[in-house]
Amino acid sequence: MKDLPLLKKILWADCLLGGSTVVVGLLWFRTLAVFLGLPVNIVAMIAVVTLAYALLAVSLALQRQPSVLQLRALVYANWLWTITSVVLLIFYISGTTLFGTAFLILQVVVAGMLAYLEGRHIT
């Protein structure tokens, strides 16, 4: 693995970004659904899926030498979530509020950026 200290910082960022989405999404998913203009089940689904990513990222960040297999799984999962987020954006953009559109775009950008940055550390 290349530049382990930087990789750990990226993994912690992945965990914190995902974790904040999880906490806000699971505590206030009904209110968020109205605020974002998204169906309640989509907001809840985003929070639950993000929980899985955050847990994998924190488990990797806590490992002395992160597992290459697990890191590769996280990278592929982040790329899959990037594609899924593009599909959600296309499918729901007509009904979202400005905040909902911004949130969905951020999902694409952040997941793609994390996949790219984490993937660069696999040798």
Protein backbone atom coordinates (compact mmCIF):
# COMPACT_ATOMS: atom_id res chain seq x y z
CA MET A 1 0.00 0.00 0.00
CA LYS A 2 1.20 3.46 -0.88
CA ASP A 3 1.40 6.28 1.69
CA LEU A 4 -0.35 4.56 4.59
CA PRO A 5 -0.73 7.74 6.71
CA LEU A 6 -2.55 9.52 3.87
CA LEU A 7 -4.72 6.46 3.19
CA LYS A 8 -5.73 6.37 6.85
CA LYS A 9 -6.75 10.05 6.68
CA ILE A 10 -8.87 9.32 3.60
CA LEU A 11 -10.47 6.33 5.34
CA TRP A 12 -11.28 8.46 8.39
CA ALA A 13 -12.80 11.09 6.11
CA ASP A 14 -14.87 8.36 4.42
CA CYS A 15 -16.04 7.18 7.84
CA LEU A 16 -16.87 10.67 9.11
CA LEU A 17 -18.69 11.75 5.95
CA GLY A 18 -20.63 8.50 5.84
CA GLY A 19 -21.25 8.52 9.57
CA SER A 20 -22.72 12.01 9.53
CA THR A 21 -25.01 11.00 6.67
CA VAL A 22 -26.09 7.94 8.65
CA VAL A 23 -26.83 9.81 11.87
CA VAL A 24 -28.77 12.61 10.19
CA GLY A 25 -30.49 10.22 7.77
CA LEU A 26 -31.65 7.71 10.36
CA LEU A 27 -32.69 10.24 13.00
CA TRP A 28 -34.60 12.57 10.70
CA PHE A 29 -35.37 10.56 7.56
CA ARG A 30 -39.04 11.66 7.41
CA THR A 31 -38.18 15.35 7.79
CA LEU A 32 -35.28 15.00 5.36
CA ALA A 33 -37.52 13.36 2.78
CA VAL A 34 -39.71 16.46 2.71
CA PHE A 35 -36.74 18.84 2.85
CA LEU A 36 -34.95 17.06 -0.01
CA GLY A 37 -38.05 16.18 -2.03
CA LEU A 38 -37.16 12.48 -2.01
CA PRO A 39 -39.27 9.49 -1.00
CA VAL A 40 -38.86 8.43 2.64
CA ASN A 41 -37.68 4.96 1.64
CA ILE A 42 -34.91 6.42 -0.55
CA VAL A 43 -33.62 8.64 2.28
CA ALA A 44 -33.67 5.67 4.66
CA MET A 45 -31.99 3.43 2.08
CA ILE A 46 -29.21 5.99 1.51
CA ALA A 47 -28.61 6.16 5.28
CA VAL A 48 -28.47 2.37 5.68
CA VAL A 49 -26.17 1.84 2.68
CA THR A 50 -23.92 4.63 3.88
CA LEU A 51 -23.75 2.92 7.28
CA ALA A 52 -22.20 -0.13 5.63
CA TYR A 53 -19.58 2.03 3.89
CA ALA A 54 -18.78 3.94 7.08
CA LEU A 55 -18.35 0.72 9.06
CA LEU A 56 -16.01 -0.78 6.47
CA ALA A 57 -14.01 2.46 6.27
CA VAL A 58 -13.59 2.68 10.05
CA SER A 59 -12.60 -0.98 10.29
CA LEU A 60 -9.89 -0.36 7.67
CA ALA A 61 -8.75 2.86 9.36
CA LEU A 62 -8.32 1.02 12.66
CA GLN A 63 -6.22 -1.77 11.18
CA ARG A 64 -2.45 -1.39 11.57
CA GLN A 65 -1.99 -2.59 7.99
CA PRO A 66 -5.35 -2.38 6.17
CA SER A 67 -6.40 -5.48 4.28
CA VAL A 68 -5.89 -5.01 0.54
CA LEU A 69 -8.92 -7.23 -0.13
CA GLN A 70 -11.16 -5.16 2.13
CA LEU A 71 -9.79 -1.90 0.73
CA ARG A 72 -10.45 -3.13 -2.79
CA ALA A 73 -14.01 -4.04 -1.71
CA LEU A 74 -14.50 -0.52 -0.34
CA VAL A 75 -13.19 1.05 -3.54
CA TYR A 76 -15.48 -1.09 -5.73
CA ALA A 77 -18.40 -0.39 -3.40
CA ASN A 78 -17.74 3.35 -3.61
CA TRP A 79 -17.66 3.15 -7.42
CA LEU A 80 -20.92 1.18 -7.35
CA TRP A 81 -22.44 3.80 -5.04
CA THR A 82 -21.27 6.54 -7.41
CA ILE A 83 -23.13 4.85 -10.28
CA THR A 84 -26.17 4.23 -8.08
CA SER A 85 -26.15 7.89 -7.05
CA VAL A 86 -26.12 8.98 -10.70
CA VAL A 87 -29.14 6.74 -11.32
CA LEU A 88 -30.92 8.20 -8.27
CA LEU A 89 -30.13 11.71 -9.49
CA ILE A 90 -31.52 10.99 -12.96
CA PHE A 91 -34.59 9.20 -11.63
CA TYR A 92 -35.54 11.68 -8.87
CA ILE A 93 -34.23 15.06 -10.04
CA SER A 94 -37.61 16.21 -11.34
CA GLY A 95 -39.17 15.93 -7.87
CA THR A 96 -36.34 17.06 -5.64
CA THR A 97 -35.93 20.43 -4.03
CA LEU A 98 -32.80 22.47 -4.70
CA PHE A 99 -31.32 20.92 -1.56
CA GLY A 100 -32.26 17.44 -2.74
CA THR A 101 -30.57 17.99 -6.08
CA ALA A 102 -27.46 19.34 -4.35
CA PHE A 103 -27.44 16.36 -1.97
CA LEU A 104 -27.69 13.84 -4.82
CA ILE A 105 -24.94 15.59 -6.77
CA LEU A 106 -22.74 15.60 -3.65
CA GLN A 107 -23.35 11.86 -3.27
CA VAL A 108 -21.94 11.33 -6.78
CA VAL A 109 -18.96 13.63 -6.27
CA VAL A 110 -18.00 12.42 -2.78
CA ALA A 111 -18.40 8.69 -3.47
CA GLY A 112 -16.47 8.99 -6.73
CA MET A 113 -13.74 11.06 -5.13
CA LEU A 114 -13.35 8.60 -2.24
CA ALA A 115 -13.25 5.63 -4.62
CA TYR A 116 -10.56 7.32 -6.68
CA LEU A 117 -8.45 8.47 -3.72
CA GLU A 118 -8.68 5.16 -1.88
CA GLY A 119 -7.99 3.19 -5.06
CA ARG A 120 -4.78 5.11 -5.70
CA HIS A 121 -3.30 3.57 -2.55
CA ILE A 122 -3.66 -0.05 -3.67
CA THR A 123 -0.41 -1.44 -5.02
